[in-house]
């Protein structure tokens, strides 16, 4: 694919993301994407065959490289408590995100298109990656004497289930920033040694 074609493809994905954020997944049609991109239907079909294909590509782009910065921080001399707070700050942004939020569309997509293979499940992959990063942060913190000794993978998994629950609650019941802060602080208080808080 040439540079101009790649730019056009990226433009379509960016514009389509705004439609999915506004309407969810199941209500979006190829015509909606044609309209927002101001291209012909044939022009769109040169790049994508369906809304599902477009949405899958948006999800793939979203997941690329998210954990890199945190993994680099684990090898540095930075306190793991600081890295943990950075991780939780990013999760908080995701929980409270209102603009350009495709979470509802993502849930709709996966309810309608359950992947046959575990490796094809974007949400599972994203969850597992977050657990892996969080586990490494906790293990490094335990080794450095910053966190209580514990089963780090079990704690990381439990934390991510709680965070995923808050993401759903934020969209269905509403969660205030203050409430999210309280829940995240509760998680951290159980991990960090007294002198680190």
N, C-alpha and C. Protein backbone atom coordinates (compact mmCIF):
# COMPACT_ATOMS: atom_id res chain seq x y z
N UNK A 1 0.85 -1.18 0.00
CA UNK A 1 0.00 0.00 0.00
C UNK A 1 0.89 1.24 0.00
N UNK A 2 0.62 2.18 -0.90
CA UNK A 2 1.39 3.40 -0.98
C UNK A 2 1.12 4.33 0.17
N UNK A 3 1.95 5.37 0.27
CA UNK A 3 1.82 6.32 1.38
C UNK A 3 0.48 7.04 1.35
N UNK A 4 0.05 7.44 0.16
CA UNK A 4 -1.24 8.14 0.04
C UNK A 4 -2.39 7.22 0.45
N UNK A 5 -2.33 5.96 0.02
CA UNK A 5 -3.37 4.99 0.39
C UNK A 5 -3.38 4.76 1.90
N UNK A 6 -2.19 4.68 2.50
CA UNK A 6 -2.10 4.47 3.95
C UNK A 6 -2.67 5.67 4.71
N UNK A 7 -2.41 6.87 4.20
CA UNK A 7 -2.98 8.08 4.82
C UNK A 7 -4.50 8.07 4.74
N UNK A 8 -5.02 7.66 3.60
CA UNK A 8 -6.47 7.60 3.42
C UNK A 8 -7.09 6.58 4.37
N UNK A 9 -6.44 5.44 4.47
CA UNK A 9 -6.91 4.37 5.37
C UNK A 9 -6.92 4.86 6.82
N UNK A 10 -5.87 5.51 7.23
CA UNK A 10 -5.77 6.05 8.60
C UNK A 10 -6.86 7.10 8.82
N UNK A 11 -7.10 7.94 7.82
CA UNK A 11 -8.14 8.96 7.91
C UNK A 11 -9.51 8.31 8.10
N UNK A 12 -9.79 7.26 7.34
CA UNK A 12 -11.07 6.55 7.45
C UNK A 12 -11.23 5.99 8.87
N UNK A 13 -10.18 5.38 9.39
CA UNK A 13 -10.25 4.80 10.73
C UNK A 13 -10.49 5.87 11.80
N UNK A 14 -9.81 6.99 11.65
CA UNK A 14 -9.97 8.08 12.63
C UNK A 14 -11.40 8.62 12.60
N UNK A 15 -11.92 8.84 11.42
CA UNK A 15 -13.28 9.35 11.28
C UNK A 15 -14.30 8.32 11.76
N UNK A 16 -14.07 7.06 11.41
CA UNK A 16 -14.99 6.00 11.82
C UNK A 16 -15.03 5.88 13.34
N UNK A 17 -13.90 6.06 13.98
CA UNK A 17 -13.84 5.98 15.45
C UNK A 17 -14.82 6.98 16.07
N UNK A 18 -14.91 8.17 15.51
CA UNK A 18 -15.83 9.18 16.06
C UNK A 18 -17.29 8.73 15.92
N UNK A 19 -17.58 8.05 14.81
CA UNK A 19 -18.95 7.55 14.60
C UNK A 19 -19.25 6.44 15.61
N UNK A 20 -18.30 5.51 15.80
CA UNK A 20 -18.50 4.43 16.77
C UNK A 20 -18.63 4.98 18.19
N UNK A 21 -17.86 6.00 18.51
CA UNK A 21 -17.94 6.61 19.84
C UNK A 21 -19.32 7.23 20.07
N UNK A 22 -19.88 7.77 19.03
CA UNK A 22 -21.18 8.45 19.14
C UNK A 22 -22.36 7.47 19.11
N UNK A 23 -22.31 6.47 18.23
CA UNK A 23 -23.47 5.61 17.99
C UNK A 23 -23.34 4.19 18.55
N UNK A 24 -22.17 3.81 19.04
CA UNK A 24 -21.97 2.42 19.43
C UNK A 24 -21.53 1.63 18.21
N UNK A 25 -21.52 0.30 18.32
CA UNK A 25 -21.12 -0.52 17.17
C UNK A 25 -22.31 -0.92 16.30
N UNK A 26 -23.35 -1.43 16.93
CA UNK A 26 -24.42 -2.05 16.15
C UNK A 26 -25.24 -1.07 15.33
N UNK A 27 -25.23 0.21 15.67
CA UNK A 27 -26.02 1.19 14.92
C UNK A 27 -25.26 1.81 13.74
N UNK A 28 -23.96 1.56 13.65
CA UNK A 28 -23.15 2.19 12.59
C UNK A 28 -23.26 1.38 11.31
N UNK A 29 -23.44 2.11 10.21
CA UNK A 29 -23.50 1.50 8.88
C UNK A 29 -22.32 2.00 8.05
N UNK A 30 -22.09 1.32 6.96
CA UNK A 30 -21.04 1.78 6.04
C UNK A 30 -21.40 3.17 5.50
N UNK A 31 -22.69 3.44 5.34
CA UNK A 31 -23.12 4.77 4.87
C UNK A 31 -22.71 5.85 5.86
N UNK A 32 -22.82 5.58 7.16
CA UNK A 32 -22.39 6.55 8.17
C UNK A 32 -20.92 6.90 7.98
N UNK A 33 -20.12 5.89 7.69
CA UNK A 33 -18.69 6.11 7.53
C UNK A 33 -18.40 6.82 6.21
N UNK A 34 -19.12 6.46 5.17
CA UNK A 34 -19.01 7.16 3.88
C UNK A 34 -19.31 8.64 4.09
N UNK A 35 -20.39 8.92 4.80
CA UNK A 35 -20.82 10.31 5.02
C UNK A 35 -19.79 11.12 5.81
N UNK A 36 -19.29 10.57 6.90
CA UNK A 36 -18.35 11.34 7.71
C UNK A 36 -17.00 11.52 7.01
N UNK A 37 -16.63 10.55 6.19
CA UNK A 37 -15.35 10.63 5.46
C UNK A 37 -15.48 11.43 4.17
N UNK A 38 -16.72 11.66 3.74
CA UNK A 38 -16.99 12.36 2.49
C UNK A 38 -16.28 11.69 1.32
N UNK A 39 -16.45 10.37 1.25
CA UNK A 39 -15.92 9.59 0.13
C UNK A 39 -17.05 8.77 -0.46
N UNK A 40 -16.78 8.17 -1.60
CA UNK A 40 -17.80 7.33 -2.22
C UNK A 40 -17.85 5.97 -1.52
N UNK A 41 -18.96 5.28 -1.69
CA UNK A 41 -19.10 3.94 -1.11
C UNK A 41 -18.01 3.03 -1.69
N UNK A 42 -17.79 3.13 -2.99
CA UNK A 42 -16.74 2.33 -3.64
C UNK A 42 -15.36 2.66 -3.08
N UNK A 43 -15.14 3.94 -2.80
CA UNK A 43 -13.86 4.36 -2.21
C UNK A 43 -13.63 3.74 -0.85
N UNK A 44 -14.69 3.62 -0.07
CA UNK A 44 -14.57 3.00 1.25
C UNK A 44 -14.30 1.50 1.11
N UNK A 45 -15.01 0.86 0.16
CA UNK A 45 -14.86 -0.58 -0.01
C UNK A 45 -13.49 -0.97 -0.59
N UNK A 46 -12.76 -0.02 -1.13
CA UNK A 46 -11.37 -0.30 -1.54
C UNK A 46 -10.51 -0.64 -0.32
N UNK A 47 -10.88 -0.09 0.83
CA UNK A 47 -10.07 -0.26 2.05
C UNK A 47 -10.67 -1.26 3.03
N UNK A 48 -11.99 -1.27 3.15
CA UNK A 48 -12.65 -2.11 4.16
C UNK A 48 -13.93 -2.71 3.60
N UNK A 49 -14.21 -3.96 4.00
CA UNK A 49 -15.38 -4.65 3.50
C UNK A 49 -16.60 -4.57 4.40
N UNK A 50 -16.41 -4.13 5.66
CA UNK A 50 -17.55 -4.10 6.59
C UNK A 50 -17.24 -3.20 7.77
N UNK A 51 -18.28 -2.86 8.51
CA UNK A 51 -18.07 -2.07 9.73
C UNK A 51 -17.29 -2.89 10.76
N UNK A 52 -17.50 -4.20 10.77
CA UNK A 52 -16.76 -5.07 11.69
C UNK A 52 -15.28 -5.05 11.40
N UNK A 53 -14.92 -5.07 10.13
CA UNK A 53 -13.51 -5.02 9.73
C UNK A 53 -12.90 -3.68 10.15
N UNK A 54 -13.63 -2.60 9.96
CA UNK A 54 -13.15 -1.28 10.36
C UNK A 54 -12.96 -1.22 11.87
N UNK A 55 -13.96 -1.71 12.60
CA UNK A 55 -13.88 -1.64 14.06
C UNK A 55 -12.74 -2.50 14.59
N UNK A 56 -12.55 -3.67 14.02
CA UNK A 56 -11.45 -4.55 14.44
C UNK A 56 -10.11 -3.84 14.24
N UNK A 57 -9.97 -3.13 13.15
CA UNK A 57 -8.72 -2.39 12.89
C UNK A 57 -8.54 -1.25 13.89
N UNK A 58 -9.61 -0.58 14.26
CA UNK A 58 -9.54 0.48 15.28
C UNK A 58 -9.07 -0.12 16.60
N UNK A 59 -9.60 -1.27 16.97
CA UNK A 59 -9.18 -1.93 18.21
C UNK A 59 -7.71 -2.32 18.16
N UNK A 60 -7.27 -2.83 17.02
CA UNK A 60 -5.86 -3.22 16.88
C UNK A 60 -4.93 -2.03 17.03
N UNK A 61 -5.30 -0.91 16.41
CA UNK A 61 -4.48 0.30 16.51
C UNK A 61 -4.42 0.80 17.95
N UNK A 62 -5.54 0.68 18.65
CA UNK A 62 -5.63 1.18 20.02
C UNK A 62 -4.69 0.41 20.95
N UNK A 63 -4.52 -0.87 20.73
CA UNK A 63 -3.77 -1.69 21.66
C UNK A 63 -2.26 -1.65 21.42
N UNK A 64 -1.83 -1.20 20.26
CA UNK A 64 -0.41 -1.22 19.94
C UNK A 64 0.39 -0.29 20.84
N UNK A 65 1.38 -0.87 21.53
CA UNK A 65 2.35 -0.09 22.27
C UNK A 65 1.89 0.53 23.57
N UNK A 66 0.72 0.21 24.08
CA UNK A 66 0.25 0.84 25.30
C UNK A 66 1.10 0.49 26.51
N UNK A 67 1.63 -0.74 26.55
CA UNK A 67 2.35 -1.17 27.74
C UNK A 67 3.84 -0.84 27.69
N UNK A 68 4.37 -0.42 26.56
CA UNK A 68 5.81 -0.20 26.39
C UNK A 68 6.44 0.73 27.41
N UNK A 69 5.84 1.89 27.63
CA UNK A 69 6.40 2.88 28.56
C UNK A 69 6.46 2.32 29.98
N UNK A 70 5.43 1.63 30.40
CA UNK A 70 5.42 1.07 31.75
C UNK A 70 6.46 -0.03 31.91
N UNK A 71 6.60 -0.89 30.90
CA UNK A 71 7.58 -1.96 30.99
C UNK A 71 9.00 -1.39 31.05
N UNK A 72 9.26 -0.31 30.33
CA UNK A 72 10.57 0.34 30.40
C UNK A 72 10.81 0.89 31.79
N UNK A 73 9.79 1.42 32.44
CA UNK A 73 9.91 1.98 33.78
C UNK A 73 10.29 0.94 34.82
N UNK A 74 9.91 -0.32 34.60
CA UNK A 74 10.20 -1.38 35.55
C UNK A 74 11.71 -1.62 35.65
N UNK A 75 12.41 -1.46 34.54
CA UNK A 75 13.85 -1.69 34.55
C UNK A 75 14.63 -0.47 35.05
N UNK A 76 13.97 0.66 35.22
CA UNK A 76 14.64 1.86 35.69
C UNK A 76 14.74 1.85 37.22
N UNK A 77 15.36 2.87 37.73
CA UNK A 77 15.49 3.02 39.19
C UNK A 77 14.29 3.73 39.81
N UNK A 78 13.30 4.06 39.02
CA UNK A 78 12.11 4.73 39.53
C UNK A 78 11.43 3.86 40.58
N UNK A 79 10.86 4.49 41.61
CA UNK A 79 10.10 3.70 42.59
C UNK A 79 8.90 3.01 41.92
N UNK A 80 8.68 1.77 42.27
CA UNK A 80 7.56 1.03 41.70
C UNK A 80 6.23 1.61 42.14
N UNK A 81 6.20 2.24 43.32
CA UNK A 81 4.96 2.88 43.77
C UNK A 81 4.57 4.00 42.80
N UNK A 82 5.57 4.73 42.29
CA UNK A 82 5.28 5.77 41.30
C UNK A 82 4.77 5.17 39.99
N UNK A 83 5.38 4.07 39.58
CA UNK A 83 4.96 3.41 38.35
C UNK A 83 3.55 2.83 38.50
N UNK A 84 3.26 2.29 39.68
CA UNK A 84 1.91 1.79 39.95
C UNK A 84 0.90 2.93 39.86
N UNK A 85 1.24 4.07 40.41
CA UNK A 85 0.33 5.22 40.36
C UNK A 85 0.13 5.69 38.91
N UNK A 86 1.19 5.65 38.10
CA UNK A 86 1.07 6.02 36.69
C UNK A 86 0.12 5.05 35.98
N UNK A 87 0.28 3.76 36.25
CA UNK A 87 -0.60 2.74 35.67
C UNK A 87 -2.05 3.02 36.05
N UNK A 88 -2.28 3.27 37.34
CA UNK A 88 -3.65 3.50 37.82
C UNK A 88 -4.22 4.82 37.28
N UNK A 89 -3.36 5.81 37.09
CA UNK A 89 -3.80 7.08 36.52
C UNK A 89 -4.32 6.86 35.09
N UNK A 90 -3.62 6.03 34.31
CA UNK A 90 -4.07 5.72 32.95
C UNK A 90 -5.39 4.95 32.98
N UNK A 91 -5.53 4.03 33.93
CA UNK A 91 -6.78 3.29 34.06
C UNK A 91 -7.92 4.23 34.44
N UNK A 92 -7.63 5.18 35.33
CA UNK A 92 -8.64 6.15 35.75
C UNK A 92 -9.13 6.97 34.55
N UNK A 93 -8.20 7.39 33.69
CA UNK A 93 -8.58 8.13 32.48
C UNK A 93 -9.55 7.31 31.64
N UNK A 94 -9.25 6.03 31.51
CA UNK A 94 -10.09 5.14 30.72
C UNK A 94 -11.47 4.96 31.37
N UNK A 95 -11.49 4.86 32.70
CA UNK A 95 -12.76 4.71 33.41
C UNK A 95 -13.64 5.92 33.21
N UNK A 96 -13.05 7.11 33.29
CA UNK A 96 -13.82 8.35 33.25
C UNK A 96 -13.96 8.96 31.86
N UNK A 97 -13.34 8.35 30.86
CA UNK A 97 -13.34 8.92 29.50
C UNK A 97 -14.77 9.08 28.99
N UNK A 98 -15.05 10.25 28.52
CA UNK A 98 -16.36 10.51 27.93
C UNK A 98 -16.20 10.82 26.43
N UNK A 99 -15.20 11.61 26.10
CA UNK A 99 -14.97 12.00 24.72
C UNK A 99 -14.21 10.89 23.99
N UNK A 100 -14.63 10.61 22.78
CA UNK A 100 -13.98 9.62 21.92
C UNK A 100 -13.95 8.24 22.58
N UNK A 101 -14.98 7.94 23.36
CA UNK A 101 -15.04 6.68 24.09
C UNK A 101 -15.72 5.61 23.23
N UNK A 102 -15.00 4.54 22.96
CA UNK A 102 -15.58 3.46 22.17
C UNK A 102 -15.86 2.23 23.03
N UNK A 103 -15.90 2.40 24.34
CA UNK A 103 -16.13 1.25 25.23
C UNK A 103 -17.47 0.58 24.96
N UNK A 104 -18.54 1.34 24.84
CA UNK A 104 -19.85 0.76 24.59
C UNK A 104 -19.83 0.03 23.25
N UNK A 105 -19.24 0.65 22.24
CA UNK A 105 -19.13 0.01 20.93
C UNK A 105 -18.32 -1.29 21.03
N UNK A 106 -17.28 -1.28 21.85
CA UNK A 106 -16.44 -2.46 22.02
C UNK A 106 -17.23 -3.60 22.64
N UNK A 107 -18.00 -3.30 23.69
CA UNK A 107 -18.84 -4.33 24.31
C UNK A 107 -19.86 -4.87 23.32
N UNK A 108 -20.50 -3.97 22.57
CA UNK A 108 -21.48 -4.40 21.57
C UNK A 108 -20.83 -5.30 20.52
N UNK A 109 -19.66 -4.91 20.07
CA UNK A 109 -18.95 -5.68 19.06
C UNK A 109 -18.67 -7.10 19.54
N UNK A 110 -18.20 -7.21 20.78
CA UNK A 110 -17.84 -8.53 21.28
C UNK A 110 -19.05 -9.37 21.68
N UNK A 111 -20.15 -8.74 22.04
CA UNK A 111 -21.37 -9.52 22.28
C UNK A 111 -21.90 -10.08 20.96
N UNK A 112 -21.75 -9.30 19.89
CA UNK A 112 -22.25 -9.72 18.58
C UNK A 112 -21.28 -10.63 17.83
N UNK A 113 -19.99 -10.52 18.12
CA UNK A 113 -18.96 -11.24 17.37
C UNK A 113 -17.99 -11.93 18.30
N UNK A 114 -18.47 -12.93 18.99
CA UNK A 114 -17.59 -13.64 19.93
C UNK A 114 -16.52 -14.38 19.14
N UNK A 115 -15.25 -14.04 19.39
CA UNK A 115 -14.17 -14.71 18.66
C UNK A 115 -14.09 -16.19 19.03
N UNK A 116 -13.80 -17.01 18.04
CA UNK A 116 -13.68 -18.44 18.28
C UNK A 116 -12.41 -18.77 19.05
N UNK A 117 -11.34 -18.06 18.76
CA UNK A 117 -10.05 -18.31 19.40
C UNK A 117 -9.79 -17.25 20.46
N UNK A 118 -9.23 -17.71 21.58
CA UNK A 118 -8.88 -16.78 22.66
C UNK A 118 -7.92 -15.70 22.16
N UNK A 119 -7.01 -16.09 21.26
CA UNK A 119 -6.01 -15.15 20.75
C UNK A 119 -6.63 -14.04 19.90
N UNK A 120 -7.86 -14.24 19.40
CA UNK A 120 -8.52 -13.23 18.58
C UNK A 120 -9.41 -12.29 19.39
N UNK A 121 -9.49 -12.53 20.69
CA UNK A 121 -10.35 -11.71 21.55
C UNK A 121 -9.57 -10.49 22.04
N UNK A 122 -9.83 -9.35 21.41
CA UNK A 122 -9.12 -8.12 21.75
C UNK A 122 -9.27 -7.77 23.22
N UNK A 123 -10.48 -7.88 23.74
CA UNK A 123 -10.70 -7.50 25.14
C UNK A 123 -9.92 -8.41 26.08
N UNK A 124 -9.89 -9.69 25.78
CA UNK A 124 -9.13 -10.63 26.60
C UNK A 124 -7.64 -10.33 26.52
N UNK A 125 -7.18 -10.05 25.32
CA UNK A 125 -5.77 -9.73 25.11
C UNK A 125 -5.37 -8.46 25.87
N UNK A 126 -6.23 -7.44 25.80
CA UNK A 126 -5.97 -6.18 26.49
C UNK A 126 -5.95 -6.40 28.01
N UNK A 127 -6.89 -7.19 28.50
CA UNK A 127 -6.96 -7.50 29.93
C UNK A 127 -5.71 -8.26 30.36
N UNK A 128 -5.34 -9.29 29.61
CA UNK A 128 -4.16 -10.09 29.95
C UNK A 128 -2.88 -9.26 29.93
N UNK A 129 -2.78 -8.35 28.97
CA UNK A 129 -1.60 -7.48 28.90
C UNK A 129 -1.54 -6.57 30.13
N UNK A 130 -2.67 -6.01 30.52
CA UNK A 130 -2.71 -5.15 31.71
C UNK A 130 -2.33 -5.95 32.96
N UNK A 131 -2.82 -7.18 33.08
CA UNK A 131 -2.47 -8.03 34.22
C UNK A 131 -0.97 -8.32 34.21
N UNK A 132 -0.41 -8.60 33.04
CA UNK A 132 1.02 -8.88 32.93
C UNK A 132 1.86 -7.69 33.36
N UNK A 133 1.51 -6.50 32.87
CA UNK A 133 2.25 -5.29 33.23
C UNK A 133 2.13 -5.02 34.73
N UNK A 134 0.93 -5.11 35.24
CA UNK A 134 0.70 -4.86 36.66
C UNK A 134 1.43 -5.89 37.52
N UNK A 135 1.43 -7.14 37.10
CA UNK A 135 2.15 -8.19 37.84
C UNK A 135 3.64 -7.86 37.91
N UNK A 136 4.22 -7.44 36.80
CA UNK A 136 5.66 -7.10 36.77
C UNK A 136 5.96 -5.92 37.69
N UNK A 137 5.07 -4.92 37.70
CA UNK A 137 5.26 -3.77 38.60
C UNK A 137 5.23 -4.24 40.05
N UNK A 138 4.26 -5.06 40.39
CA UNK A 138 4.12 -5.54 41.76
C UNK A 138 5.30 -6.42 42.16
N UNK A 139 5.73 -7.32 41.27
CA UNK A 139 6.88 -8.18 41.58
C UNK A 139 8.14 -7.36 41.81
N UNK A 140 8.36 -6.36 40.96
CA UNK A 140 9.54 -5.50 41.14
C UNK A 140 9.43 -4.73 42.44
N UNK A 141 8.23 -4.27 42.78
CA UNK A 141 8.03 -3.54 44.04
C UNK A 141 8.27 -4.42 45.26
N UNK A 142 7.86 -5.67 45.19
CA UNK A 142 8.11 -6.61 46.28
C UNK A 142 9.62 -6.84 46.43
N UNK A 143 10.30 -7.06 45.30
CA UNK A 143 11.76 -7.28 45.34
C UNK A 143 12.51 -6.07 45.92
N UNK A 144 12.01 -4.89 45.65
CA UNK A 144 12.66 -3.66 46.14
C UNK A 144 12.20 -3.27 47.54
N UNK A 145 11.29 -4.05 48.10
CA UNK A 145 10.82 -3.76 49.45
C UNK A 145 9.82 -2.62 49.54
N UNK A 146 9.18 -2.29 48.43
CA UNK A 146 8.18 -1.23 48.42
C UNK A 146 6.77 -1.75 48.70
N UNK A 147 6.50 -2.98 48.29
CA UNK A 147 5.17 -3.57 48.44
C UNK A 147 5.25 -4.80 49.35
N UNK A 148 4.11 -5.11 49.98
CA UNK A 148 4.02 -6.33 50.77
C UNK A 148 4.22 -7.54 49.88
N UNK A 149 4.82 -8.59 50.43
CA UNK A 149 5.00 -9.82 49.67
C UNK A 149 3.64 -10.51 49.54
N UNK A 150 3.33 -10.96 48.32
CA UNK A 150 2.04 -11.57 48.05
C UNK A 150 2.08 -12.26 46.70
N UNK A 151 0.99 -12.91 46.33
CA UNK A 151 0.86 -13.52 45.01
C UNK A 151 0.54 -12.38 44.04
N UNK A 152 1.56 -11.86 43.39
CA UNK A 152 1.42 -10.65 42.58
C UNK A 152 0.47 -10.84 41.40
N UNK A 153 0.51 -12.01 40.76
CA UNK A 153 -0.39 -12.22 39.62
C UNK A 153 -1.84 -12.26 40.08
N UNK A 154 -2.12 -12.89 41.21
CA UNK A 154 -3.49 -12.94 41.72
C UNK A 154 -3.98 -11.54 42.09
N UNK A 155 -3.12 -10.75 42.71
CA UNK A 155 -3.48 -9.37 43.09
C UNK A 155 -3.73 -8.55 41.83
N UNK A 156 -2.84 -8.68 40.83
CA UNK A 156 -2.99 -7.92 39.59
C UNK A 156 -4.29 -8.29 38.88
N UNK A 157 -4.60 -9.57 38.84
CA UNK A 157 -5.84 -10.03 38.20
C UNK A 157 -7.06 -9.46 38.93
N UNK A 158 -7.03 -9.52 40.25
CA UNK A 158 -8.13 -8.99 41.05
C UNK A 158 -8.30 -7.49 40.82
N UNK A 159 -7.18 -6.76 40.78
CA UNK A 159 -7.25 -5.32 40.54
C UNK A 159 -7.87 -5.02 39.17
N UNK A 160 -7.47 -5.79 38.16
CA UNK A 160 -7.99 -5.53 36.81
C UNK A 160 -9.48 -5.87 36.71
N UNK A 161 -9.92 -6.91 37.42
CA UNK A 161 -11.37 -7.18 37.44
C UNK A 161 -12.12 -6.00 38.07
N UNK A 162 -11.58 -5.45 39.14
CA UNK A 162 -12.21 -4.29 39.79
C UNK A 162 -12.21 -3.09 38.85
N UNK A 163 -11.10 -2.87 38.15
CA UNK A 163 -11.01 -1.74 37.21
C UNK A 163 -11.98 -1.91 36.06
N UNK A 164 -12.07 -3.13 35.50
CA UNK A 164 -13.03 -3.39 34.42
C UNK A 164 -14.46 -3.16 34.91
N UNK A 165 -14.73 -3.57 36.15
CA UNK A 165 -16.05 -3.33 36.73
C UNK A 165 -16.36 -1.85 36.83
N UNK A 166 -15.36 -1.06 37.21
CA UNK A 166 -15.57 0.40 37.29
C UNK A 166 -15.82 0.99 35.92
N UNK A 167 -15.18 0.45 34.88
CA UNK A 167 -15.41 0.94 33.52
C UNK A 167 -16.88 0.73 33.12
N UNK A 168 -17.40 -0.44 33.44
CA UNK A 168 -18.80 -0.73 33.12
C UNK A 168 -19.72 0.16 33.96
N UNK A 169 -19.44 0.27 35.25
CA UNK A 169 -20.27 1.10 36.14
C UNK A 169 -20.27 2.56 35.70
N UNK A 170 -19.12 3.06 35.26
CA UNK A 170 -19.04 4.46 34.83
C UNK A 170 -19.98 4.72 33.66
N UNK A 171 -20.18 3.72 32.80
CA UNK A 171 -21.02 3.91 31.63
C UNK A 171 -22.48 3.56 31.87
N UNK A 172 -22.74 2.75 32.88
CA UNK A 172 -24.12 2.33 33.11
C UNK A 172 -24.78 3.05 34.29
N UNK A 173 -24.03 3.27 35.36
CA UNK A 173 -24.60 3.90 36.55
C UNK A 173 -24.03 5.28 36.81
N UNK A 174 -22.87 5.54 36.24
CA UNK A 174 -22.17 6.78 36.50
C UNK A 174 -21.30 6.65 37.74
N UNK A 175 -20.06 7.06 37.62
CA UNK A 175 -19.12 7.08 38.74
C UNK A 175 -18.46 8.45 38.77
N UNK A 176 -18.39 9.03 39.94
CA UNK A 176 -17.72 10.31 40.06
C UNK A 176 -16.21 10.09 40.11
N UNK A 177 -15.47 11.11 39.78
CA UNK A 177 -14.01 11.04 39.86
C UNK A 177 -13.58 10.75 41.29
N UNK A 178 -14.26 11.36 42.25
CA UNK A 178 -13.94 11.14 43.66
C UNK A 178 -14.12 9.67 44.04
N UNK A 179 -15.18 9.05 43.56
CA UNK A 179 -15.43 7.64 43.87
C UNK A 179 -14.36 6.74 43.25
N UNK A 180 -13.97 7.04 42.02
CA UNK A 180 -12.91 6.27 41.36
C UNK A 180 -11.61 6.41 42.15
N UNK A 181 -11.29 7.65 42.58
CA UNK A 181 -10.07 7.87 43.38
C UNK A 181 -10.11 7.05 44.67
N UNK A 182 -11.26 7.00 45.32
CA UNK A 182 -11.39 6.23 46.56
C UNK A 182 -11.13 4.74 46.32
N UNK A 183 -11.69 4.22 45.26
CA UNK A 183 -11.52 2.79 44.96
C UNK A 183 -10.06 2.47 44.61
N UNK A 184 -9.43 3.31 43.82
CA UNK A 184 -8.04 3.08 43.46
C UNK A 184 -7.12 3.22 44.67
N UNK A 185 -7.40 4.18 45.52
CA UNK A 185 -6.61 4.35 46.74
C UNK A 185 -6.75 3.13 47.64
N UNK A 186 -7.95 2.59 47.71
CA UNK A 186 -8.20 1.40 48.51
C UNK A 186 -7.31 0.24 48.02
N UNK A 187 -7.20 0.10 46.71
CA UNK A 187 -6.35 -0.94 46.14
C UNK A 187 -4.89 -0.75 46.55
N UNK A 188 -4.42 0.48 46.44
CA UNK A 188 -3.01 0.79 46.70
C UNK A 188 -2.67 0.62 48.18
N UNK A 189 -3.58 1.03 49.05
CA UNK A 189 -3.31 0.94 50.50
C UNK A 189 -3.02 -0.49 50.93
N UNK A 190 -3.60 -1.45 50.28
CA UNK A 190 -3.36 -2.84 50.62
C UNK A 190 -2.06 -3.39 50.09
N UNK A 191 -1.36 -2.63 49.28
CA UNK A 191 -0.13 -3.11 48.65
C UNK A 191 1.14 -2.47 49.20
N UNK A 192 1.05 -1.17 49.41
CA UNK A 192 2.25 -0.38 49.69
C UNK A 192 2.59 -0.42 51.16
N UNK A 193 3.86 -0.68 51.45
CA UNK A 193 4.35 -0.65 52.84
C UNK A 193 4.15 0.75 53.42
N UNK A 194 3.88 0.82 54.70
CA UNK A 194 3.52 2.09 55.38
C UNK A 194 4.46 3.24 55.03
N UNK A 195 5.77 3.02 55.06
CA UNK A 195 6.70 4.13 54.81
C UNK A 195 6.68 4.61 53.38
N UNK A 196 6.09 3.83 52.44
CA UNK A 196 6.04 4.22 51.04
C UNK A 196 4.84 5.11 50.74
N UNK A 197 3.80 5.10 51.58
CA UNK A 197 2.58 5.87 51.29
C UNK A 197 2.82 7.35 51.56
